[in-house]
Amino acid sequence: RSSDLSAVTPAQLASEDPFYRDLGAKLAVGMPLRDIATSDSILLTEVPAPSDEKAMRSIRRLQEIGVGVVADAAQLAERPVDNAVALVAAKAATSAAVPDCAARVAVVFDGTETTEMVKAALAMDPVMALIRVAPGVSRLHASRRLFTDVLAAGSSVPVIHHIQFTDADVKDDVVIQSGSQVGGLLCDGLGDGVLIEHPTAELDYLRRTSFGLLQGSRMRNTKTEYVSCPSCGRTLFDLQEVTAAISERTGHLPGVAIAVMGCIVNGPGEMADADFGYVGGAPGKIDLYVGKEVVKRGIDNDTACDELIQLIKDHGRWVDKEEEEEAVAA
């Protein structure tokens, strides 16, 4: 399956419980547990000092639940982290010293390597490869060229797209640039995961954006999928308000696709891939669909969301939301 990686700082590691939540882990009696949308690995932007007990404890706890830890090889040599994955630059891969604490090696490509450099780096049998393009290099073109070299070398190494942003990039930039630069590559089968890094954006936001990109590329399903029309003069209800209300109550159903359409003119055609449909049939009235088939007509707006949920239950696609930490701990 595809992978999500998160770049984390020592300060984030040291915060413990808030950090685990941002990483998508569940908590039970203060201990992290993996969930369907927990990051698979973390990239340490800086290896914590051995004296940073909280940060080091977070690393150990994550490793215990199967979350990988990746860090720069030179930093690991100075501050060892047992069973970490040592990250080395592809151009220096053949001469890089792998620290004794490292369980495996990962290589990072910047898009300027020659075919010979790519082959030499892959000869190290890395557990993964990161594409982190150099400034001024086209990610799209460099990535396609790199995948050509990887395939020519006969390698099946998982390749992670590492996208780095700056403080000047707002949240909308993160979503738009990630989707435009990496989404097309993933849809073409070029890549096995995503790592989105931003110096000030919330870790939870970056993780959810990564998983959203993977789901949009049909690589990993971690949440309910929604299909909606763009709205027009024929729309028979407040599309954004209704979609938000439906999402609030049904957003915990990975593998389920729900279409919310403003009218019946184009709605049934646009929602062809959805499992369930919520379509404006007349002023104040909603029609409900299962696949392409309408199963209920003329439902009042006020009760339509409840009827949709019951429809999902009737077809065996409903699960209750999981209990919060306090309930699990009890």
Protein backbone atom coordinates (compact mmCIF):
# COMPACT_ATOMS: atom_id res chain seq x y z
CA ARG A 1 0.00 0.00 0.00
CA SER A 2 1.04 3.64 -0.31
CA SER A 3 2.72 5.44 2.57
CA ASP A 4 2.39 8.74 4.39
CA LEU A 5 5.44 10.26 6.08
CA SER A 6 5.50 13.25 8.43
CA ALA A 7 8.44 15.56 9.10
CA VAL A 8 8.70 16.27 12.84
CA THR A 9 10.85 18.42 15.12
CA PRO A 10 12.26 17.58 18.57
CA ALA A 11 9.79 20.06 20.10
CA GLN A 12 6.86 18.22 18.53
CA LEU A 13 8.20 14.89 19.73
CA ALA A 14 8.55 16.25 23.27
CA SER A 15 4.91 17.35 23.43
CA GLU A 16 3.93 13.66 23.48
CA ASP A 17 0.11 13.35 23.61
CA PRO A 18 -0.65 16.32 21.30
CA PHE A 19 2.03 15.02 18.95
CA TYR A 20 0.54 11.53 18.85
CA ARG A 21 -2.87 12.98 18.01
CA ASP A 22 -1.43 15.17 15.25
CA LEU A 23 0.26 12.08 13.84
CA GLY A 24 -3.15 10.41 13.59
CA ALA A 25 -2.66 7.94 16.43
CA LYS A 26 -5.32 6.96 18.92
CA LEU A 27 -4.52 7.23 22.61
CA ALA A 28 -5.24 4.70 25.34
CA VAL A 29 -4.00 5.55 28.83
CA GLY A 30 -1.49 7.95 27.31
CA MET A 31 -0.03 5.36 24.92
CA PRO A 32 -0.25 5.81 21.14
CA LEU A 33 -2.01 3.21 19.02
CA ARG A 34 -1.95 3.07 15.23
CA ASP A 35 -5.13 3.95 13.38
CA ILE A 36 -6.16 3.81 9.74
CA ALA A 37 -4.78 7.32 9.11
CA THR A 38 -1.66 7.27 11.29
CA SER A 39 1.54 8.33 9.54
CA ASP A 40 3.58 5.28 8.58
CA SER A 41 6.97 6.87 9.28
CA ILE A 42 8.41 10.09 10.64
CA LEU A 43 11.34 12.04 9.25
CA LEU A 44 13.32 13.73 12.00
CA THR A 45 14.20 17.24 10.84
CA GLU A 46 16.74 17.16 13.66
CA VAL A 47 17.72 14.18 15.78
CA PRO A 48 16.94 14.96 19.45
CA ALA A 49 19.71 15.03 21.99
CA PRO A 50 19.93 11.83 24.07
CA SER A 51 19.16 13.99 27.12
CA ASP A 52 15.78 15.00 25.65
CA GLU A 53 13.90 12.27 27.49
CA LYS A 54 10.41 13.14 26.26
CA ALA A 55 11.41 13.29 22.61
CA MET A 56 13.36 10.03 22.82
CA ARG A 57 10.45 8.37 24.62
CA SER A 58 8.11 9.42 21.80
CA ILE A 59 10.46 7.85 19.27
CA ARG A 60 10.56 4.57 21.19
CA ARG A 61 6.79 4.45 21.59
CA LEU A 62 6.24 5.05 17.90
CA GLN A 63 8.73 2.35 16.97
CA GLU A 64 6.90 -0.05 19.28
CA ILE A 65 3.68 0.38 17.28
CA GLY A 66 5.43 0.00 13.94
CA VAL A 67 5.98 3.62 12.92
CA GLY A 68 9.30 3.98 11.12
CA VAL A 69 11.89 6.60 12.05
CA VAL A 70 14.03 8.19 9.32
CA ALA A 71 16.87 10.62 10.00
CA ASP A 72 19.98 12.06 8.38
CA ALA A 73 22.84 9.57 8.52
CA ALA A 74 25.39 12.13 9.72
CA GLN A 75 23.14 13.20 12.59
CA LEU A 76 22.50 9.58 13.57
CA ALA A 77 26.25 9.04 13.79
CA GLU A 78 26.44 11.79 16.41
CA ARG A 79 23.13 11.07 18.16
CA PRO A 80 22.28 7.40 17.67
CA VAL A 81 18.66 6.24 17.49
CA ASP A 82 18.39 2.47 17.55
CA ASN A 83 16.70 0.87 14.53
CA ALA A 84 16.33 4.16 12.68
CA VAL A 85 16.57 4.40 8.90
CA ALA A 86 19.64 6.38 7.85
CA LEU A 87 18.99 8.89 5.06
CA VAL A 88 21.85 9.58 2.65
CA ALA A 89 22.11 11.74 -0.46
CA ALA A 90 22.07 9.67 -3.64
CA LYS A 91 25.11 11.50 -5.03
CA ALA A 92 27.15 10.48 -2.00
CA ALA A 93 25.54 7.10 -1.43
CA THR A 94 28.55 4.98 -2.33
CA SER A 95 30.85 6.82 0.07
CA ALA A 96 28.35 7.58 2.84
CA ALA A 97 29.06 6.04 6.21
CA VAL A 98 26.02 4.24 7.60
CA PRO A 99 25.87 4.53 11.41
CA ASP A 100 25.83 1.34 13.45
CA CYS A 101 22.45 2.21 14.98
CA ALA A 102 20.71 2.22 11.58
CA ALA A 103 18.56 -0.75 10.66
CA ARG A 104 18.36 0.17 6.98
CA VAL A 105 19.27 2.92 4.53
CA ALA A 106 17.12 5.34 2.54
CA VAL A 107 18.37 7.55 -0.28
CA VAL A 108 17.23 11.02 -1.29
CA PHE A 109 17.34 12.21 -4.90
CA ASP A 110 17.30 15.89 -5.88
CA GLY A 111 16.52 15.38 -9.56
CA THR A 112 19.97 16.27 -10.89
CA GLU A 113 21.56 12.82 -10.63
CA THR A 114 22.94 11.03 -13.65
CA THR A 115 21.73 7.56 -14.59
CA GLU A 116 24.97 6.13 -13.20
CA MET A 117 24.41 7.89 -9.86
CA VAL A 118 20.90 6.49 -9.65
CA LYS A 119 22.17 2.96 -10.29
CA ALA A 120 24.90 3.34 -7.67
CA ALA A 121 22.44 4.58 -5.06
CA LEU A 122 20.00 1.76 -5.76
CA ALA A 123 22.82 -0.76 -5.42
CA MET A 124 22.77 0.01 -1.68
CA ASP A 125 19.38 -1.76 -1.54
CA PRO A 126 17.61 1.15 0.19
CA VAL A 127 14.36 0.56 2.04
CA MET A 128 12.92 3.66 0.34
CA ALA A 129 13.88 6.58 -1.86
CA LEU A 130 12.79 10.20 -1.44
CA ILE A 131 12.44 12.69 -4.28
CA ARG A 132 13.29 16.13 -2.89
CA VAL A 133 14.00 18.24 -5.94
CA ALA A 134 16.70 20.90 -5.91
CA PRO A 135 15.70 24.58 -6.28
CA GLY A 136 14.96 25.50 -9.86
CA VAL A 137 14.39 21.91 -10.95
CA SER A 138 11.01 20.92 -12.40
CA ARG A 139 9.56 18.29 -10.08
CA LEU A 140 7.37 16.83 -12.81
CA HIS A 141 10.14 16.35 -15.36
CA ALA A 142 12.83 15.32 -12.86
CA SER A 143 10.50 12.77 -11.26
CA ARG A 144 9.58 11.17 -14.58
CA ARG A 145 13.24 10.92 -15.56
CA LEU A 146 14.12 9.39 -12.19
CA PHE A 147 11.39 6.77 -12.49
CA THR A 148 12.70 5.88 -15.93
CA ASP A 149 16.15 5.26 -14.42
CA VAL A 150 14.72 3.31 -11.47
CA LEU A 151 12.74 1.02 -13.76
CA ALA A 152 15.71 0.58 -16.08
CA ALA A 153 17.78 -0.51 -13.08
CA GLY A 154 15.21 -3.20 -12.29
CA SER A 155 14.56 -1.75 -8.86
CA SER A 156 11.26 -1.95 -6.98
CA VAL A 157 12.26 0.49 -4.24
CA PRO A 158 9.29 2.47 -2.87
CA VAL A 159 9.61 6.11 -3.92
CA ILE A 160 8.24 8.88 -1.69
CA HIS A 161 7.52 12.37 -3.03
CA HIS A 162 8.99 14.82 -0.50
CA ILE A 163 7.44 18.25 -1.04
CA GLN A 164 8.98 21.16 0.89
CA PHE A 165 7.27 24.51 1.41
CA THR A 166 8.38 27.79 2.98
CA ASP A 167 6.74 30.26 5.37
CA ALA A 168 5.64 32.25 2.33
CA ASP A 169 3.37 29.38 1.25
CA VAL A 170 -0.13 29.54 2.74
CA LYS A 171 -2.34 26.49 3.30
CA ASP A 172 -4.04 26.83 -0.06
CA ASP A 173 -0.61 26.73 -1.71
CA VAL A 174 0.14 23.47 0.10
CA VAL A 175 -2.98 21.79 -1.25
CA ILE A 176 -2.81 23.22 -4.77
CA GLN A 177 0.92 22.72 -5.32
CA SER A 178 0.95 19.23 -3.82
CA GLY A 179 -1.94 18.18 -6.00
CA SER A 180 -0.66 19.74 -9.20
CA GLN A 181 2.98 18.69 -8.82
CA VAL A 182 2.55 15.23 -7.34
CA GLY A 183 -1.05 14.17 -7.89
CA GLY A 184 -0.60 13.57 -11.60
CA LEU A 185 2.51 11.49 -10.99
CA LEU A 186 0.72 9.34 -8.43
CA CYS A 187 -2.25 8.85 -10.76
CA ASP A 188 0.21 7.61 -13.39
CA GLY A 189 1.58 5.06 -10.92
CA LEU A 190 4.80 7.01 -10.36
CA GLY A 191 5.33 7.02 -6.62
CA ASP A 192 4.47 5.09 -3.49
CA GLY A 193 3.87 7.80 -0.93
CA VAL A 194 3.96 11.43 0.10
CA LEU A 195 5.80 13.59 2.63
CA ILE A 196 4.61 17.20 2.84
CA GLU A 197 6.83 19.51 4.91
CA HIS A 198 6.07 23.09 5.97
CA PRO A 199 7.97 25.00 8.69
CA THR A 200 4.90 26.44 10.46
CA ALA A 201 1.78 24.58 9.28
CA GLU A 202 0.14 22.24 11.77
CA LEU A 203 1.36 18.66 11.60
CA ASP A 204 -2.22 17.37 11.64
CA TYR A 205 -3.10 19.54 8.64
CA LEU A 206 -0.10 18.32 6.64
CA ARG A 207 -0.85 14.70 7.48
CA ARG A 208 -4.51 15.01 6.48
CA THR A 209 -3.49 16.74 3.26
CA SER A 210 -1.10 13.89 2.46
CA PHE A 211 -3.73 11.24 3.07
CA GLY A 212 -6.22 13.26 1.03
CA LEU A 213 -3.76 13.34 -1.86
CA LEU A 214 -3.25 9.59 -1.64
CA GLN A 215 -7.00 8.99 -1.58
CA GLY A 216 -7.61 11.37 -4.45
CA SER A 217 -5.01 9.42 -6.43
CA ARG A 218 -6.86 6.15 -5.64
CA MET A 219 -3.89 4.81 -3.71
CA ARG A 220 -5.14 4.58 -0.13
CA ASN A 221 -8.61 4.96 1.32
CA THR A 222 -8.71 6.40 4.84
CA LYS A 223 -11.93 8.41 4.96
CA THR A 224 -15.34 8.83 3.39
CA GLU A 225 -15.19 10.16 -0.15
CA TYR A 226 -17.55 12.91 -1.24
CA VAL A 227 -18.58 13.84 -4.76
CA SER A 228 -20.32 17.16 -5.26
CA CYS A 229 -21.47 19.32 -8.14
CA PRO A 230 -20.06 22.88 -8.40
CA SER A 231 -23.51 24.41 -7.75
CA CYS A 232 -25.47 26.58 -10.17
CA GLY A 233 -28.79 28.37 -10.53
CA ARG A 234 -30.65 25.06 -10.49
CA THR A 235 -29.31 24.03 -7.08
CA LEU A 236 -32.22 23.39 -4.73
CA PHE A 237 -30.44 23.69 -1.37
CA ASP A 238 -27.35 25.25 0.22
CA LEU A 239 -24.78 22.84 -1.18
CA GLN A 240 -21.90 23.79 1.11
CA GLU A 241 -24.01 23.77 4.26
CA VAL A 242 -25.63 20.42 3.50
CA THR A 243 -22.34 18.81 2.44
CA ALA A 244 -20.72 19.97 5.69
CA ALA A 245 -23.61 18.55 7.73
CA ILE A 246 -23.44 15.20 5.94
CA SER A 247 -19.65 15.11 6.29
CA GLU A 248 -19.88 15.79 10.01
CA ARG A 249 -22.02 12.69 10.54
CA THR A 250 -20.57 10.33 7.93
CA GLY A 251 -16.89 11.28 7.66
CA HIS A 252 -15.71 8.16 9.50
CA LEU A 253 -16.64 5.62 6.79
CA PRO A 254 -13.55 4.83 4.69
CA GLY A 255 -14.48 2.97 1.56
CA VAL A 256 -17.86 4.69 1.24
CA ALA A 257 -18.46 7.32 -1.48
CA ILE A 258 -21.36 9.76 -1.04
CA ALA A 259 -22.53 12.16 -3.75
CA VAL A 260 -24.24 15.45 -2.87
CA MET A 261 -25.89 16.96 -5.94
CA GLY A 262 -27.92 20.14 -6.16
CA CYS A 263 -30.45 18.96 -8.76
CA ILE A 264 -31.46 16.02 -10.92
CA VAL A 265 -30.41 17.58 -14.24
CA ASN A 266 -26.77 16.49 -14.14
CA GLY A 267 -26.59 14.95 -10.67
CA PRO A 268 -27.22 11.27 -11.51
CA GLY A 269 -24.58 11.31 -14.24
CA GLU A 270 -21.96 13.15 -12.21
CA MET A 271 -22.37 10.81 -9.24
CA ALA A 272 -22.09 7.58 -11.22
CA ASP A 273 -19.16 6.29 -9.14
CA ALA A 274 -20.73 7.02 -5.74
CA ASP A 275 -22.22 4.37 -3.47
CA PHE A 276 -24.97 6.65 -2.19
CA GLY A 277 -26.49 9.85 -3.56
CA TYR A 278 -28.24 12.85 -2.00
CA VAL A 279 -29.90 14.83 -4.80
CA GLY A 280 -32.20 17.83 -4.85
CA GLY A 281 -35.39 16.62 -6.50
CA ALA A 282 -37.68 19.61 -5.96
CA PRO A 283 -37.73 22.72 -3.76
CA GLY A 284 -37.43 21.48 -0.18
CA LYS A 285 -37.30 17.84 -1.29
CA ILE A 286 -34.45 15.33 -1.63
CA ASP A 287 -34.11 12.10 -3.61
CA LEU A 288 -31.79 9.37 -2.32
CA TYR A 289 -29.85 7.00 -4.54
CA VAL A 290 -27.99 3.73 -4.15
CA GLY A 291 -25.51 3.70 -6.97
CA LYS A 292 -27.38 4.94 -10.04
CA GLU A 293 -30.80 3.87 -8.78
CA VAL A 294 -33.16 6.23 -6.99
CA VAL A 295 -34.62 4.44 -3.96
CA LYS A 296 -36.45 7.25 -2.12
CA ARG A 297 -38.11 10.34 -3.56
CA GLY A 298 -39.45 13.58 -2.16
CA ILE A 299 -37.92 13.40 1.33
CA ASP A 300 -38.13 16.61 3.37
CA ASN A 301 -34.83 18.49 3.68
CA ASP A 302 -35.09 18.39 7.47
CA THR A 303 -35.03 14.59 7.63
CA ALA A 304 -33.03 13.74 4.51
CA CYS A 305 -29.67 13.42 6.30
CA ASP A 306 -31.17 10.98 8.81
CA GLU A 307 -32.72 9.02 5.96
CA LEU A 308 -29.36 8.90 4.17
CA ILE A 309 -27.67 7.48 7.26
CA GLN A 310 -30.41 4.88 7.63
CA LEU A 311 -29.93 3.94 3.98
CA ILE A 312 -26.21 3.42 4.58
CA LYS A 313 -27.05 1.24 7.58
CA ASP A 314 -29.60 -0.78 5.61
CA HIS A 315 -26.90 -1.64 3.08
CA GLY A 316 -24.40 -2.75 5.71
CA ARG A 317 -21.92 0.08 5.13
CA TRP A 318 -22.31 1.85 8.47
CA VAL A 319 -19.99 1.64 11.48
CA ASP A 320 -20.28 3.67 14.66
CA LYS A 321 -17.64 6.25 15.43
CA GLU A 322 -14.88 4.92 17.65
CA GLU A 323 -14.82 5.94 21.28
CA GLU A 324 -12.58 8.76 22.42
CA GLU A 325 -9.50 8.24 24.57
CA GLU A 326 -11.30 8.59 27.89
CA ALA A 327 -13.77 5.86 26.99
CA VAL A 328 -10.99 3.56 25.80
CA ALA A 329 -9.01 4.16 28.96
CA ALA A 330 -12.03 3.39 31.11
